[in-house]
């Protein structure tokens, strides 16, 4: 990994420095980067956003896929016209930066006005406390406990707005140090808010400046989810330079959706100081999977990261290349954003599609089940189908697709399925009938894999590398192992998307529980950081499958 100024969220720090300080503080980014009970019915107070089956639903019970833009209200509170401008470009939500004291306090009356502006412009209001940015690493950052103090101090502006407001407890609440405290601090924050009677959907930012390169949020998400007595929280990862390949983007999101956990990309850009995020895959894959995203940010960036502005100087007529791309690209705001049904009234579509008919299992192998169903109908148009295996959503498909093959299954195992239809307004049908099937008994087969090694970055006495594992066999893998011997004095310090063991120069990486199954020809990628001295040449890798 390359050296960074205060890691991936430098634009947050630059806002701070430009507004409050004339001297910059630098820090080196020191890293590039459980069985859950089925998540079923919604748990939330009536009349507000809530989570069901790993999906964010609005107060009418309709699917709501966030397509938003961040707006730096805490530093530019006079720029109230930005709310209308953000609506015009197609966003269905706005993530509003607030402060409880690290910068000038946004009072309850100010927040009430922000919520009013959101509602006037038919935008869902994602309110975020920016004070926590980089806690443990950046001087002056607030703890999550202090963030909760702020939310409770403006409780009067929040209560009664559950159908229009999502509370993002704290932005990027830990930097690259002390992040092991994230689990306990997050659980405590959730439970304090619930004890105070706040029933809103809570948005939970990852540590490591939001990028979760340590996988702290990913690996502890089930515990955090279970700690919310309302089961009304959604996890948020910020995707900047750590997520620079399709494999990294997909693997992280899949680690949540495969367990029925709600997830969205709460921030991303098209470039950043810590690397080049894969915004193409990010927008395409979130659209395919029916997941939310919010771009950073409308305007006002400075200190060298002005490339993250979507418009220049808050002028909607002066779009940047980044803003133009996010708004007009194939999976951008104009093409994929649907207004929340809670703003219905003015002719909005609130009619649900009919349930898909005659769902049937049409075939099976040792590791797959094929499904087919009859088309749903809608007063406007059916835009997609969600396929569930048990209580977990396994696929989001286009409206014209009436078949699906579920792969990566275990042999001689029974599975059950349901399908739901969706329309462009986010209305979701009743469930189809249930179809059941049992995979065939294993009859053996041939398998193999390859592993390719790539240096990603190098600095002083350390480096970052990634390894791509590809299934070259004729059957799906059940797991894989990559081993190698370093040619010098290399010592792995952390690894993601695989578990590592090292003895002397010999190192081994094994799959995680979510990326061990690879279909023939498909790939997955893991990465690591290491310290070294002396020579640092690429080792020869050996890949074996289970």
Protein backbone atom coordinates (compact mmCIF):
# COMPACT_ATOMS: atom_id res chain seq x y z
CA UNK A 1 0.00 0.00 0.00
CA UNK A 2 1.24 3.48 -0.78
CA UNK A 3 1.66 6.22 1.78
CA UNK A 4 -1.37 8.42 2.33
CA UNK A 5 -2.37 11.61 4.05
CA UNK A 6 -4.77 10.44 6.74
CA UNK A 7 -5.88 7.45 4.64
CA UNK A 8 -8.82 7.27 2.32
CA UNK A 9 -11.05 9.88 3.92
CA UNK A 10 -8.61 12.71 3.38
CA UNK A 11 -11.41 14.86 2.09
CA UNK A 12 -12.97 14.86 5.56
CA UNK A 13 -9.69 15.94 7.08
CA UNK A 14 -9.17 18.56 4.37
CA UNK A 15 -12.53 20.08 5.16
CA UNK A 16 -11.43 20.30 8.79
CA UNK A 17 -8.02 21.73 8.06
CA UNK A 18 -9.30 24.29 5.58
CA UNK A 19 -12.07 25.48 7.89
CA UNK A 20 -10.22 25.50 11.21
CA UNK A 21 -6.47 25.18 10.86
CA UNK A 22 -3.58 26.49 8.81
CA UNK A 23 -1.16 23.68 9.61
CA UNK A 24 -1.69 20.15 8.39
CA UNK A 25 -1.23 17.03 10.43
CA UNK A 26 -0.12 14.02 8.44
CA UNK A 27 -0.34 10.34 9.17
CA UNK A 28 0.73 7.34 7.19
CA UNK A 29 -1.96 4.91 6.20
CA UNK A 30 -0.73 1.68 7.72
CA UNK A 31 -3.00 -0.69 5.90
CA UNK A 32 -4.56 -1.14 2.51
CA UNK A 33 -6.94 -2.60 3.25
CA UNK A 34 -20.30 -16.91 12.99
CA UNK A 35 -23.51 -18.24 12.03
CA UNK A 36 -26.41 -15.79 11.84
CA UNK A 37 -29.98 -16.72 12.67
CA UNK A 38 -32.21 -16.10 9.63
CA UNK A 39 -33.31 -12.50 9.33
CA UNK A 40 -37.01 -12.57 8.74
CA UNK A 41 -39.78 -10.16 9.50
CA UNK A 42 -39.20 -6.48 10.05
CA UNK A 43 -38.41 -5.23 13.53
CA UNK A 44 -39.12 -1.52 13.94
CA UNK A 45 -41.59 0.96 15.22
CA UNK A 46 -44.59 1.36 12.95
CA UNK A 47 -44.35 4.18 10.45
CA UNK A 48 -40.61 4.28 9.85
CA UNK A 49 -37.82 2.80 7.79
CA UNK A 50 -37.09 -0.78 8.80
CA UNK A 51 -35.13 -3.86 7.79
CA UNK A 52 -36.69 -7.12 6.58
CA UNK A 53 -34.85 -10.07 5.04
CA UNK A 54 -31.69 -8.01 4.81
CA UNK A 55 -33.46 -5.23 2.85
CA UNK A 56 -34.19 -1.61 3.72
CA UNK A 57 -37.93 -0.93 3.50
CA UNK A 58 -39.68 2.40 3.80
CA UNK A 59 -42.64 3.14 6.07
CA UNK A 60 -45.04 1.74 3.46
CA UNK A 61 -43.19 -1.57 3.42
CA UNK A 62 -41.68 -0.91 -0.01
CA UNK A 63 -38.09 -1.66 -0.95
CA UNK A 64 -35.92 1.46 -0.81
CA UNK A 65 -32.56 1.38 -2.58
CA UNK A 66 -30.53 4.41 -1.56
CA UNK A 67 -29.08 6.50 -4.38
CA UNK A 68 -27.62 9.47 -2.59
CA UNK A 69 -25.10 12.29 -2.49
CA UNK A 70 -23.26 13.62 0.57
CA UNK A 71 -23.64 17.32 1.34
CA UNK A 72 -21.21 19.10 3.75
CA UNK A 73 -23.85 21.07 5.65
CA UNK A 74 -21.72 21.38 8.81
CA UNK A 75 -19.24 23.65 7.01
CA UNK A 76 -21.57 25.20 4.42
CA UNK A 77 -24.85 25.62 6.28
CA UNK A 78 -25.78 28.61 4.13
CA UNK A 79 -25.85 26.45 0.99
CA UNK A 80 -29.45 25.36 1.48
CA UNK A 81 -30.19 25.46 -2.26
CA UNK A 82 -28.02 22.36 -2.56
CA UNK A 83 -30.93 20.18 -1.40
CA UNK A 84 -33.04 21.13 -4.41
CA UNK A 85 -30.04 20.85 -6.72
CA UNK A 86 -29.24 17.34 -5.48
CA UNK A 87 -32.85 16.31 -6.07
CA UNK A 88 -32.78 17.64 -9.63
CA UNK A 89 -29.85 15.40 -10.63
CA UNK A 90 -31.82 12.31 -9.64
CA UNK A 91 -30.79 11.45 -6.09
CA UNK A 92 -33.46 9.95 -3.83
CA UNK A 93 -31.54 10.72 -0.64
CA UNK A 94 -28.97 13.13 0.74
CA UNK A 95 -26.37 12.34 3.39
CA UNK A 96 -26.07 15.47 5.50
CA UNK A 97 -22.84 16.19 7.40
CA UNK A 98 -23.53 17.41 10.95
CA UNK A 99 -21.35 18.30 13.94
CA UNK A 100 -21.99 18.14 17.65
CA UNK A 101 -18.98 20.20 18.69
CA UNK A 102 -15.84 19.24 16.79
CA UNK A 103 -16.90 22.00 14.44
CA UNK A 104 -19.71 24.52 14.95
CA UNK A 105 -22.65 22.72 16.52
CA UNK A 106 -25.67 21.98 14.36
CA UNK A 107 -28.46 22.63 16.83
CA UNK A 108 -31.82 20.91 17.08
CA UNK A 109 -33.49 23.83 15.30
CA UNK A 110 -30.93 23.71 12.50
CA UNK A 111 -31.40 19.94 12.11
CA UNK A 112 -35.17 20.38 12.08
CA UNK A 113 -34.72 22.83 9.20
CA UNK A 114 -32.47 20.33 7.38
CA UNK A 115 -35.15 17.65 7.71
CA UNK A 116 -37.74 20.10 6.41
CA UNK A 117 -35.54 20.84 3.37
CA UNK A 118 -35.16 17.11 2.71
CA UNK A 119 -38.91 16.57 2.87
CA UNK A 120 -39.68 19.61 0.71
CA UNK A 121 -37.42 18.14 -1.95
CA UNK A 122 -38.69 14.58 -1.49
CA UNK A 123 -35.29 13.34 -0.36
CA UNK A 124 -34.70 10.77 2.37
CA UNK A 125 -32.51 12.46 4.98
CA UNK A 126 -29.45 10.45 6.09
CA UNK A 127 -28.08 12.49 8.99
CA UNK A 128 -24.46 11.74 9.89
CA UNK A 129 -22.31 12.94 12.78
CA UNK A 130 -18.90 13.76 11.31
CA UNK A 131 -17.22 14.38 14.68
CA UNK A 132 -16.10 10.74 14.97
CA UNK A 133 -14.02 10.75 11.78
CA UNK A 134 -10.68 9.03 12.43
CA UNK A 135 -11.16 8.54 16.18
CA UNK A 136 -8.07 7.03 17.79
CA UNK A 137 -5.79 8.33 15.06
CA UNK A 138 -6.82 11.90 14.28
CA UNK A 139 -6.53 14.52 16.99
CA UNK A 140 -9.80 16.10 18.06
CA UNK A 141 -11.99 13.25 16.88
CA UNK A 142 -14.97 12.35 19.07
CA UNK A 143 -15.86 8.90 20.35
CA UNK A 144 -19.06 7.09 19.38
CA UNK A 145 -20.26 7.66 22.93
CA UNK A 146 -19.92 11.41 22.37
CA UNK A 147 -21.75 11.04 19.07
CA UNK A 148 -24.68 9.47 20.90
CA UNK A 149 -24.65 12.41 23.34
CA UNK A 150 -25.16 14.68 20.33
CA UNK A 151 -28.05 12.65 18.91
CA UNK A 152 -29.77 12.70 22.29
CA UNK A 153 -29.25 16.46 22.54
CA UNK A 154 -31.23 16.97 19.29
CA UNK A 155 -33.78 14.25 20.03
CA UNK A 156 -36.64 16.74 19.69
CA UNK A 157 -35.80 17.24 16.00
CA UNK A 158 -35.64 13.50 15.30
CA UNK A 159 -38.67 12.00 17.03
CA UNK A 160 -41.60 11.70 14.67
CA UNK A 161 -39.38 11.75 11.56
CA UNK A 162 -38.73 7.99 11.41
CA UNK A 163 -40.34 7.74 7.95
CA UNK A 164 -37.97 10.33 6.49
CA UNK A 165 -34.74 10.16 8.51
CA UNK A 166 -31.97 7.57 8.86
CA UNK A 167 -29.39 8.18 11.60
CA UNK A 168 -25.76 7.54 10.57
CA UNK A 169 -24.41 7.31 14.12
CA UNK A 170 -20.83 8.37 13.40
CA UNK A 171 -18.78 8.89 10.25
CA UNK A 172 -15.74 6.59 9.95
CA UNK A 173 -15.60 6.20 13.72
CA UNK A 174 -12.08 4.78 13.95
CA UNK A 175 -8.94 5.34 11.94
CA UNK A 176 -6.16 2.78 11.61
CA UNK A 177 -5.50 2.51 15.35
CA UNK A 178 -7.70 1.34 18.25
CA UNK A 179 -10.18 -0.11 15.76
CA UNK A 180 -10.48 -3.30 17.80
CA UNK A 181 -12.65 -1.18 20.12
CA UNK A 182 -15.17 -0.65 17.30
CA UNK A 183 -17.40 -3.63 18.14
CA UNK A 184 -18.00 -2.75 21.78
CA UNK A 185 -18.32 0.98 21.10
CA UNK A 186 -20.81 0.41 18.28
CA UNK A 187 -22.95 -1.97 20.31
CA UNK A 188 -23.01 0.49 23.20
CA UNK A 189 -24.00 3.34 20.86
CA UNK A 190 -26.87 1.35 19.35
CA UNK A 191 -28.22 0.32 22.72
CA UNK A 192 -28.01 3.83 24.18
CA UNK A 193 -30.01 5.22 21.26
CA UNK A 194 -32.63 2.49 21.61
CA UNK A 195 -32.86 3.00 25.37
CA UNK A 196 -33.57 6.68 24.69
CA UNK A 197 -36.53 5.72 22.51
CA UNK A 198 -35.03 6.46 19.08
CA UNK A 199 -36.43 3.80 16.73
CA UNK A 200 -35.01 5.12 13.44
CA UNK A 201 -33.01 2.92 11.11
CA UNK A 202 -29.39 3.28 12.24
CA UNK A 203 -26.54 3.38 9.72
CA UNK A 204 -23.33 1.80 11.04
CA UNK A 205 -20.04 3.01 9.53
CA UNK A 206 -17.02 0.72 9.38
CA UNK A 207 -13.70 1.50 11.11
CA UNK A 208 -10.37 2.03 9.29
CA UNK A 209 -11.64 5.34 7.96
CA UNK A 210 -14.76 3.56 6.78
CA UNK A 211 -12.95 1.07 4.52
CA UNK A 212 -12.74 -1.85 6.98
CA UNK A 213 -9.48 -3.15 5.54
CA UNK A 214 -9.07 -5.10 8.81
CA UNK A 215 -12.50 -6.72 8.24
CA UNK A 216 -13.49 -5.77 11.78
CA UNK A 217 -17.03 -4.85 10.75
CA UNK A 218 -17.35 -7.73 8.30
CA UNK A 219 -16.28 -10.37 10.80
CA UNK A 220 -18.32 -8.99 13.72
CA UNK A 221 -21.42 -7.81 11.86
CA UNK A 222 -23.63 -10.60 13.19
CA UNK A 223 -22.86 -9.69 16.81
CA UNK A 224 -23.52 -6.00 16.16
CA UNK A 225 -26.76 -6.75 14.28
CA UNK A 226 -28.02 -8.94 17.12
CA UNK A 227 -27.29 -6.21 19.67
CA UNK A 228 -29.96 -3.95 18.16
CA UNK A 229 -33.21 -4.94 19.91
CA UNK A 230 -35.18 -3.59 16.92
CA UNK A 231 -32.99 -5.33 14.31
CA UNK A 232 -33.15 -2.02 12.45
CA UNK A 233 -29.55 -1.24 11.52
CA UNK A 234 -27.78 -1.19 8.15
CA UNK A 235 -24.01 -1.51 7.70
CA UNK A 236 -22.09 1.06 5.65
CA UNK A 237 -18.68 0.59 4.02
CA UNK A 238 -16.78 3.44 2.38
CA UNK A 239 -15.09 2.29 -0.82
CA UNK A 240 -12.01 4.21 -1.87
CA UNK A 241 -8.55 2.90 -2.80
CA UNK A 242 -8.85 -0.37 -0.88
CA UNK A 243 -11.59 -1.46 -3.31
CA UNK A 244 -9.70 -1.14 -6.58
CA UNK A 245 -10.71 -4.40 -8.30
CA UNK A 246 -14.03 -6.07 -9.13
CA UNK A 247 -13.13 -9.00 -6.91
CA UNK A 248 -12.60 -6.81 -3.84
CA UNK A 249 -15.83 -4.89 -4.34
CA UNK A 250 -17.92 -8.01 -4.86
CA UNK A 251 -16.30 -10.13 -2.14
CA UNK A 252 -16.90 -7.52 0.56
CA UNK A 253 -20.55 -6.95 -0.31
CA UNK A 254 -21.18 -10.68 -0.79
CA UNK A 255 -19.85 -11.35 2.71
CA UNK A 256 -22.89 -9.47 4.05
CA UNK A 257 -25.63 -10.39 1.59
CA UNK A 258 -24.78 -14.09 1.77
CA UNK A 259 -25.63 -13.95 5.48
CA UNK A 260 -28.77 -11.87 5.04
CA UNK A 261 -27.15 -8.78 6.57
CA UNK A 262 -28.11 -5.31 5.25
CA UNK A 263 -25.24 -3.42 3.63
CA UNK A 264 -24.70 -0.37 1.42
CA UNK A 265 -21.77 1.67 0.13
CA UNK A 266 -22.07 4.77 2.27
CA UNK A 267 -19.33 6.72 0.48
CA UNK A 268 -17.19 6.35 -2.61
CA UNK A 269 -15.44 8.42 -5.25
CA UNK A 270 -14.00 7.85 -8.69
CA UNK A 271 -10.43 8.44 -7.58
CA UNK A 272 -8.62 9.04 -4.33
CA UNK A 273 -5.21 9.66 -2.82
CA UNK A 274 -4.94 6.08 -1.56
CA UNK A 275 -5.68 4.51 -4.95
CA UNK A 276 -8.20 4.21 -7.74
CA UNK A 277 -11.52 2.72 -6.56
CA UNK A 278 -13.44 0.60 -9.05
CA UNK A 279 -16.51 2.79 -9.34
CA UNK A 280 -17.69 0.96 -12.45
CA UNK A 281 -18.02 -2.39 -10.68
CA UNK A 282 -19.35 -0.69 -7.55
CA UNK A 283 -22.30 0.96 -9.28
CA UNK A 284 -22.96 -2.01 -11.57
CA UNK A 285 -22.84 -4.62 -8.79
CA UNK A 286 -24.90 -2.64 -6.30
CA UNK A 287 -27.51 -2.17 -9.03
CA UNK A 288 -27.48 -5.89 -9.85
CA UNK A 289 -27.79 -6.81 -6.18
CA UNK A 290 -30.30 -4.09 -5.29
CA UNK A 291 -27.95 -2.38 -2.82
CA UNK A 292 -27.63 1.32 -2.02
CA UNK A 293 -24.78 3.73 -2.64
CA UNK A 294 -23.98 7.36 -1.81
CA UNK A 295 -21.29 9.37 -3.58
CA UNK A 296 -18.96 11.85 -1.90
CA UNK A 297 -19.68 14.75 -2.30
CA UNK A 298 -21.72 17.58 -3.81
CA UNK A 299 -19.14 20.38 -3.48
CA UNK A 300 -16.75 22.18 -1.13
CA UNK A 301 -13.76 19.82 -1.07
CA UNK A 302 -10.34 21.44 -0.81
CA UNK A 303 -6.70 20.92 0.01
CA UNK A 304 -5.93 18.82 -3.04
CA UNK A 305 -9.02 16.61 -3.19
CA UNK A 306 -11.23 18.94 -5.19
CA UNK A 307 -11.58 16.07 -7.67
CA UNK A 308 -14.26 14.70 -5.31
CA UNK A 309 -16.55 17.68 -6.00
CA UNK A 310 -19.53 16.81 -8.21
CA UNK A 311 -20.14 20.46 -9.04
CA UNK A 312 -17.83 23.44 -8.79
CA UNK A 313 -18.51 25.97 -6.01
CA UNK A 314 -22.01 24.55 -5.43
CA UNK A 315 -23.05 25.63 -8.93
CA UNK A 316 -25.32 22.92 -10.40
CA UNK A 317 -24.63 24.22 -13.91
CA UNK A 318 -20.91 23.51 -13.49
CA UNK A 319 -20.66 19.74 -13.16
CA UNK A 320 -17.28 18.10 -12.86
CA UNK A 321 -16.34 14.91 -14.70
CA UNK A 322 -16.98 12.96 -11.48
CA UNK A 323 -20.41 14.53 -11.04
CA UNK A 324 -21.35 13.99 -14.67
CA UNK A 325 -20.33 10.34 -14.48
CA UNK A 326 -22.20 9.58 -11.25
CA UNK A 327 -25.33 11.30 -12.49
CA UNK A 328 -25.46 10.06 -16.10
CA UNK A 329 -23.55 6.76 -16.29
CA UNK A 330 -25.26 3.45 -17.03
CA UNK A 331 -25.77 2.66 -13.34
CA UNK A 332 -25.77 6.23 -12.11
CA UNK A 333 -28.41 8.29 -10.37
CA UNK A 334 -30.58 9.14 -13.37
CA UNK A 335 -30.77 5.51 -14.48
CA UNK A 336 -31.26 3.73 -11.15
CA UNK A 337 -32.70 6.10 -8.53
CA UNK A 338 -36.32 5.62 -7.43
CA UNK A 339 -38.02 8.07 -5.07
CA UNK A 340 -39.18 6.73 -1.71
CA UNK A 341 -42.87 5.84 -1.70
CA UNK A 342 -43.39 7.82 1.52
CA UNK A 343 -43.43 10.91 -0.71
CA UNK A 344 -46.41 9.45 -2.62
CA UNK A 345 -49.48 11.50 -3.11
CA UNK A 346 -49.08 13.43 -6.34
CA UNK A 347 -49.77 10.36 -8.42
CA UNK A 348 -46.97 8.16 -7.04
CA UNK A 349 -47.15 4.43 -7.75
CA UNK A 350 -48.02 2.45 -4.61
CA UNK A 351 -49.51 -0.66 -6.22
CA UNK A 352 -47.55 -3.86 -5.73
CA UNK A 353 -46.86 -6.33 -8.52
CA UNK A 354 -48.64 -9.67 -8.40
CA UNK A 355 -46.73 -12.58 -6.88
CA UNK A 356 -44.61 -14.66 -9.27
CA UNK A 357 -46.54 -17.78 -10.25
CA UNK A 358 -45.77 -21.48 -10.40
CA UNK A 359 -42.26 -21.40 -9.00
CA UNK A 360 -40.68 -24.79 -9.67
CA UNK A 361 -37.30 -26.47 -9.36
CA UNK A 362 -36.48 -27.58 -12.91
CA UNK A 363 -33.26 -29.45 -12.23
CA UNK A 364 -30.36 -30.02 -9.87
CA UNK A 365 -26.75 -31.18 -9.81
CA UNK A 366 -24.45 -31.97 -6.92
CA UNK A 367 -23.95 -28.24 -6.31
CA UNK A 368 -26.80 -26.36 -7.99
CA UNK A 369 -30.58 -26.00 -8.25
CA UNK A 370 -32.32 -24.51 -11.29
CA UNK A 371 -35.58 -22.57 -10.90
CA UNK A 372 -38.29 -21.19 -13.19
CA UNK A 373 -41.43 -19.15 -12.50
CA UNK A 374 -44.26 -17.33 -14.21
CA UNK A 375 -44.11 -13.59 -14.84
CA UNK A 376 -45.66 -11.12 -12.42
CA UNK A 377 -47.82 -8.25 -13.62
CA UNK A 378 -47.91 -4.63 -12.48
CA UNK A 379 -49.92 -1.50 -13.20
CA UNK A 380 -46.74 0.13 -14.56
CA UNK A 381 -43.98 -2.46 -15.07
CA UNK A 382 -42.16 -5.22 -13.23
CA UNK A 383 -38.49 -4.22 -13.02
CA UNK A 384 -36.94 -7.10 -11.12
CA UNK A 385 -37.19 -10.33 -9.15
CA UNK A 386 -35.54 -11.24 -5.83
CA UNK A 387 -34.77 -14.93 -5.27
CA UNK A 388 -34.56 -16.20 -1.70
CA UNK A 389 -33.04 -19.44 -0.49
CA UNK A 390 -34.69 -19.93 2.89
CA UNK A 391 -34.58 -16.45 4.44
CA UNK A 392 -31.49 -15.24 2.54
CA UNK A 393 -31.66 -13.32 -0.73
CA UNK A 394 -29.36 -15.02 -3.23
CA UNK A 395 -30.10 -13.06 -6.42
CA UNK A 396 -31.64 -9.84 -7.75
CA UNK A 397 -32.59 -10.25 -11.41
CA UNK A 398 -33.92 -8.00 -14.20
CA UNK A 399 -37.66 -7.95 -14.82
CA UNK A 400 -37.47 -10.02 -17.98
CA UNK A 401 -35.62 -12.92 -16.34
CA UNK A 402 -37.81 -15.86 -15.27
CA UNK A 403 -35.14 -18.48 -14.51
CA UNK A 404 -32.25 -18.74 -12.09
CA UNK A 405 -29.63 -21.34 -11.19
CA UNK A 406 -28.40 -21.27 -7.59
CA UNK A 407 -24.83 -22.57 -7.46
CA UNK A 408 -22.19 -23.39 -4.87
CA UNK A 409 -24.51 -25.68 -2.89
CA UNK A 410 -23.71 -28.81 -0.89
CA UNK A 411 -24.38 -32.25 -2.32
CA UNK A 412 -27.35 -34.32 -1.13
CA UNK A 413 -28.91 -31.34 0.68
CA UNK A 414 -32.49 -30.05 0.65
CA UNK A 415 -33.14 -26.37 -0.19
CA UNK A 416 -36.30 -24.24 -0.40
CA UNK A 417 -36.91 -21.11 -2.47
CA UNK A 418 -39.30 -18.18 -2.89
CA UNK A 419 -39.33 -15.34 -5.42
CA UNK A 420 -40.61 -11.76 -5.04
CA UNK A 421 -41.30 -9.22 -7.81
CA UNK A 422 -40.43 -5.51 -7.65
CA UNK A 423 -41.46 -2.46 -9.68
CA UNK A 424 -39.70 0.82 -10.41
CA UNK A 425 -41.33 2.54 -7.43
CA UNK A 426 -39.86 -0.05 -5.08
CA UNK A 427 -43.14 -1.85 -4.45
CA UNK A 428 -42.56 -5.52 -3.59
CA UNK A 429 -45.02 -8.33 -4.28
CA UNK A 430 -46.19 -11.07 -1.98
CA UNK A 431 -44.01 -14.17 -2.07
CA UNK A 432 -44.41 -16.83 -4.71
CA UNK A 433 -45.20 -20.38 -3.72
CA UNK A 434 -42.32 -22.29 -2.15
CA UNK A 435 -40.29 -24.65 -4.33
CA UNK A 436 -38.04 -27.29 -2.79
CA UNK A 437 -35.26 -29.41 -4.26
CA UNK A 438 -32.47 -31.70 -3.10
CA UNK A 439 -29.07 -31.60 -4.74
CA UNK A 440 -27.67 -34.83 -6.12
CA UNK A 441 -25.23 -37.01 -4.23
CA UNK A 442 -21.59 -36.32 -4.95
CA UNK A 443 -20.14 -38.46 -7.69
CA UNK A 444 -16.61 -37.17 -7.53
CA UNK A 445 -14.95 -35.06 -10.18
CA UNK A 446 -11.75 -33.33 -11.14
CA UNK A 447 -10.53 -30.03 -9.83
CA UNK A 448 -7.56 -27.70 -9.84
CA UNK A 449 -6.63 -24.09 -9.33
CA UNK A 450 -3.97 -21.53 -10.09
CA UNK A 451 -2.75 -18.59 -8.02
CA UNK A 452 -1.11 -15.45 -9.39
CA UNK A 453 0.89 -13.00 -7.28
CA UNK A 454 0.95 -9.24 -7.77
CA UNK A 455 2.80 -6.47 -5.94
CA UNK A 456 0.30 -3.68 -5.22
CA UNK A 457 2.53 -1.20 -3.41
CA UNK A 458 5.83 -0.86 -1.59
CA UNK A 459 7.17 1.57 0.97
CA UNK A 460 10.32 1.61 3.08
CA UNK A 461 10.37 -1.68 4.93
CA UNK A 462 6.89 -2.84 3.94
CA UNK A 463 4.79 -3.83 0.96
CA UNK A 464 1.31 -4.89 -0.07
CA UNK A 465 0.48 -7.74 -2.43
CA UNK A 466 -2.60 -9.50 -3.78
CA UNK A 467 -3.16 -13.06 -4.98
CA UNK A 468 -5.86 -14.11 -7.46
CA UNK A 469 -7.09 -17.70 -7.14
CA UNK A 470 -8.78 -19.20 -10.22
CA UNK A 471 -10.64 -22.50 -10.44
CA UNK A 472 -9.17 -24.33 -13.46
CA UNK A 473 -11.08 -27.55 -12.80
CA UNK A 474 -14.33 -28.95 -14.11
CA UNK A 475 -16.27 -28.77 -10.84
CA UNK A 476 -16.83 -26.15 -8.16
CA UNK A 477 -14.30 -25.97 -5.36
CA UNK A 478 -15.33 -26.42 -1.74
CA UNK A 479 -12.26 -24.57 -0.55
CA UNK A 480 -8.71 -23.72 -1.59
CA UNK A 481 -5.23 -23.35 -0.14
CA UNK A 482 -2.33 -21.30 -1.51
CA UNK A 483 1.19 -21.86 -0.20
CA UNK A 484 4.56 -20.33 -0.99
CA UNK A 485 8.05 -19.74 0.33
CA UNK A 486 9.36 -16.19 0.51
CA UNK A 487 12.82 -15.62 -0.97
CA UNK A 488 13.89 -13.12 1.68
CA UNK A 489 13.04 -11.90 5.16
CA UNK A 490 9.31 -11.21 4.68
CA UNK A 491 6.82 -11.33 7.55
CA UNK A 492 3.06 -11.05 6.93
CA UNK A 493 1.44 -8.49 9.25
CA UNK A 494 -2.19 -8.73 8.14
CA UNK A 495 -4.28 -10.46 5.48
CA UNK A 496 -7.81 -9.98 4.12
CA UNK A 497 -10.17 -12.38 2.32
CA UNK A 498 -8.08 -15.34 3.54
CA UNK A 499 -6.60 -16.69 6.77
CA UNK A 500 -2.82 -16.88 6.98
CA UNK A 501 -0.22 -18.97 8.75
CA UNK A 502 3.52 -18.44 8.49
CA UNK A 503 6.50 -20.39 9.78
CA UNK A 504 9.81 -18.87 8.85
CA UNK A 505 9.76 -18.22 5.11
CA UNK A 506 6.88 -20.64 4.47
CA UNK A 507 3.41 -19.07 4.24
CA UNK A 508 -0.07 -20.47 3.66
CA UNK A 509 -3.39 -18.78 2.89
CA UNK A 510 -6.74 -20.54 3.14
CA UNK A 511 -10.17 -19.42 1.99
CA UNK A 512 -12.73 -17.71 4.22
CA UNK A 513 -16.19 -19.24 4.67
CA UNK A 514 -17.63 -16.91 2.03
CA UNK A 515 -15.12 -17.32 -0.83
CA UNK A 516 -14.17 -21.00 -0.77
CA UNK A 517 -16.70 -22.02 -3.41
CA UNK A 518 -15.45 -21.13 -6.89
CA UNK A 519 -17.27 -22.23 -10.01
CA UNK A 520 -15.15 -23.51 -12.93
CA UNK A 521 -13.33 -20.55 -14.47
CA UNK A 522 -14.21 -18.10 -11.69
CA UNK A 523 -11.76 -16.30 -9.42
CA UNK A 524 -11.39 -14.63 -6.06
CA UNK A 525 -8.66 -12.37 -4.68
CA UNK A 526 -7.03 -12.03 -1.28
CA UNK A 527 -4.37 -9.61 -0.19
CA UNK A 528 -1.88 -8.95 2.55
CA UNK A 529 0.68 -6.56 3.94
CA UNK A 530 4.13 -7.59 5.06
CA UNK A 531 7.31 -6.18 6.52
CA UNK A 532 10.62 -7.14 4.92
CA UNK A 533 14.33 -6.55 4.68
CA UNK A 534 16.70 -7.52 1.89
CA UNK A 535 15.42 -8.84 -1.43
CA UNK A 536 11.69 -8.80 -2.16
CA UNK A 537 10.97 -10.87 -5.25
CA UNK A 538 7.67 -12.54 -6.13
CA UNK A 539 7.50 -16.10 -4.78
CA UNK A 540 6.31 -19.19 -6.64
CA UNK A 541 2.77 -20.13 -5.54
CA UNK A 542 1.18 -23.55 -5.17
CA UNK A 543 -2.63 -23.78 -5.27
CA UNK A 544 -4.68 -26.79 -4.18
CA UNK A 545 -8.45 -27.27 -3.95
CA UNK A 546 -10.60 -29.08 -1.44
